[in-house]
Amino acid sequence: MTNVVHYKGYIGNVKFIEDKEIFYGKLEFINDLITFQGTSVKELKKDFHQAVDEYIEDCRELGKEPEKPFKGRFPARIDPELHRRVAFLAMHQNMSLNKYVEKALERAIEADSR
């Protein structure tokens, strides 16, 4: 993925408005809406860092745990027949369904990276 910034485990997706000469973005992979902007890369990154720090501080003040972009869990809906087949294969390999899916995803990423 291009046009992203990273800070404290958070990821911001960056876009550019040419006629206004403004970079802007928002934090991705969390439910809260956190935005940032700047007229230069340096200003954009500074505002991104400030937005993340303020988000974390606001959550602390509210007694709320800040969302993390990746928790290691994601819901997935698949065809029931595929679910049955995957569960059966996992069982026969003495693996949990989660471990089987994790390994399958790792293999898919490795294949895509070639």
Protein backbone atom coordinates (compact mmCIF):
# COMPACT_ATOMS: atom_id res chain seq x y z
CA MET A 1 0.00 0.00 0.00
CA THR A 2 1.31 3.44 -0.81
CA ASN A 3 0.49 6.84 0.60
CA VAL A 4 0.43 5.75 4.22
CA VAL A 5 2.05 7.04 7.39
CA HIS A 6 2.78 5.02 10.54
CA TYR A 7 3.03 6.11 14.17
CA LYS A 8 2.62 4.20 17.45
CA GLY A 9 1.06 1.26 15.63
CA TYR A 10 -1.51 3.42 13.86
CA ILE A 11 -1.78 3.76 10.10
CA GLY A 12 -2.97 6.84 8.26
CA ASN A 13 -4.10 6.80 4.65
CA VAL A 14 -2.98 9.97 2.84
CA LYS A 15 -4.60 11.75 -0.10
CA PHE A 16 -3.83 15.00 -1.91
CA ILE A 17 -6.17 17.75 -3.12
CA GLU A 18 -4.25 19.29 -6.00
CA ASP A 19 -6.20 22.53 -6.48
CA LYS A 20 -6.00 23.34 -2.74
CA GLU A 21 -2.49 21.91 -2.31
CA ILE A 22 -3.49 20.06 0.84
CA PHE A 23 -2.53 16.61 2.02
CA TYR A 24 -5.16 14.99 4.23
CA GLY A 25 -5.89 11.63 5.71
CA LYS A 26 -7.54 9.53 8.35
CA LEU A 27 -6.57 6.69 10.62
CA GLU A 28 -7.43 3.35 9.09
CA PHE A 29 -8.55 0.08 10.66
CA ILE A 30 -10.26 1.63 13.70
CA ASN A 31 -13.90 2.66 14.17
CA ASP A 32 -13.20 6.14 15.57
CA LEU A 33 -12.83 8.92 12.98
CA ILE A 34 -9.43 10.57 13.40
CA THR A 35 -8.27 12.91 10.63
CA PHE A 36 -5.16 14.97 9.92
CA GLN A 37 -3.90 17.35 7.24
CA GLY A 38 -1.02 19.55 6.12
CA THR A 39 0.22 21.68 3.26
CA SER A 40 3.58 19.89 3.22
CA VAL A 41 4.78 16.38 4.00
CA LYS A 42 6.47 17.67 7.15
CA GLU A 43 3.30 19.43 8.30
CA LEU A 44 1.16 16.39 7.43
CA LYS A 45 3.35 14.05 9.47
CA LYS A 46 3.40 16.46 12.39
CA ASP A 47 -0.41 16.73 12.36
CA PHE A 48 -0.72 12.93 12.02
CA HIS A 49 1.47 12.37 15.09
CA GLN A 50 -0.47 15.04 16.99
CA ALA A 51 -3.82 13.46 16.00
CA VAL A 52 -2.67 10.02 17.25
CA ASP A 53 -1.32 11.47 20.51
CA GLU A 54 -4.53 13.47 21.08
CA TYR A 55 -6.66 10.40 20.35
CA ILE A 56 -4.74 8.36 22.91
CA GLU A 57 -4.94 11.18 25.47
CA ASP A 58 -8.68 11.76 24.86
CA CYS A 59 -9.34 8.05 25.37
CA ARG A 60 -7.34 8.11 28.61
CA GLU A 61 -9.34 11.10 29.88
CA LEU A 62 -12.61 9.34 28.99
CA GLY A 63 -11.49 6.11 30.68
CA LYS A 64 -11.71 4.36 27.33
CA GLU A 65 -9.16 1.99 25.85
CA PRO A 66 -7.86 3.39 22.53
CA GLU A 67 -8.69 1.13 19.63
CA LYS A 68 -5.76 -0.71 18.11
CA PRO A 69 -5.74 -1.23 14.34
CA PHE A 70 -5.05 -4.97 14.50
CA LYS A 71 -6.18 -7.14 17.36
CA GLY A 72 -5.48 -10.50 15.74
CA ARG A 73 -9.19 -11.17 15.27
CA PHE A 74 -11.47 -10.49 12.35
CA PRO A 75 -14.94 -11.73 11.50
CA ALA A 76 -15.24 -13.66 8.27
CA ARG A 77 -18.34 -15.00 6.57
CA ILE A 78 -17.87 -17.96 4.29
CA ASP A 79 -20.07 -20.50 2.57
CA PRO A 80 -21.28 -23.13 5.09
CA GLU A 81 -19.96 -25.97 2.91
CA LEU A 82 -16.51 -24.39 2.81
CA HIS A 83 -16.68 -23.92 6.59
CA ARG A 84 -17.47 -27.62 7.01
CA ARG A 85 -14.65 -28.70 4.70
CA VAL A 86 -12.07 -26.44 6.38
CA ALA A 87 -13.13 -27.56 9.86
CA PHE A 88 -12.85 -31.20 8.76
CA LEU A 89 -9.34 -30.65 7.33
CA ALA A 90 -8.23 -28.82 10.46
CA MET A 91 -9.53 -31.63 12.66
CA HIS A 92 -7.66 -34.24 10.62
CA GLN A 93 -4.45 -32.24 11.00
CA ASN A 94 -4.99 -31.95 14.76
CA MET A 95 -5.27 -28.18 14.46
CA SER A 96 -7.82 -25.71 15.66
CA LEU A 97 -9.85 -24.04 12.94
CA ASN A 98 -8.17 -20.72 13.81
CA LYS A 99 -4.68 -22.18 13.42
CA TYR A 100 -5.62 -23.83 10.11
CA VAL A 101 -7.00 -20.54 8.72
CA GLU A 102 -3.94 -18.64 9.99
CA LYS A 103 -1.60 -21.04 8.19
CA ALA A 104 -3.71 -20.88 5.01
CA LEU A 105 -3.54 -17.08 5.06
CA GLU A 106 0.23 -17.19 5.58
CA ARG A 107 0.59 -19.50 2.56
CA ALA A 108 -1.61 -17.22 0.45
CA ILE A 109 0.47 -14.17 1.37
CA GLU A 110 3.71 -16.01 0.59
CA ALA A 111 2.31 -17.06 -2.81
CA ASP A 112 1.19 -13.49 -3.58
CA SER A 113 4.61 -12.13 -2.61
CA ARG A 114 6.41 -14.19 -5.26
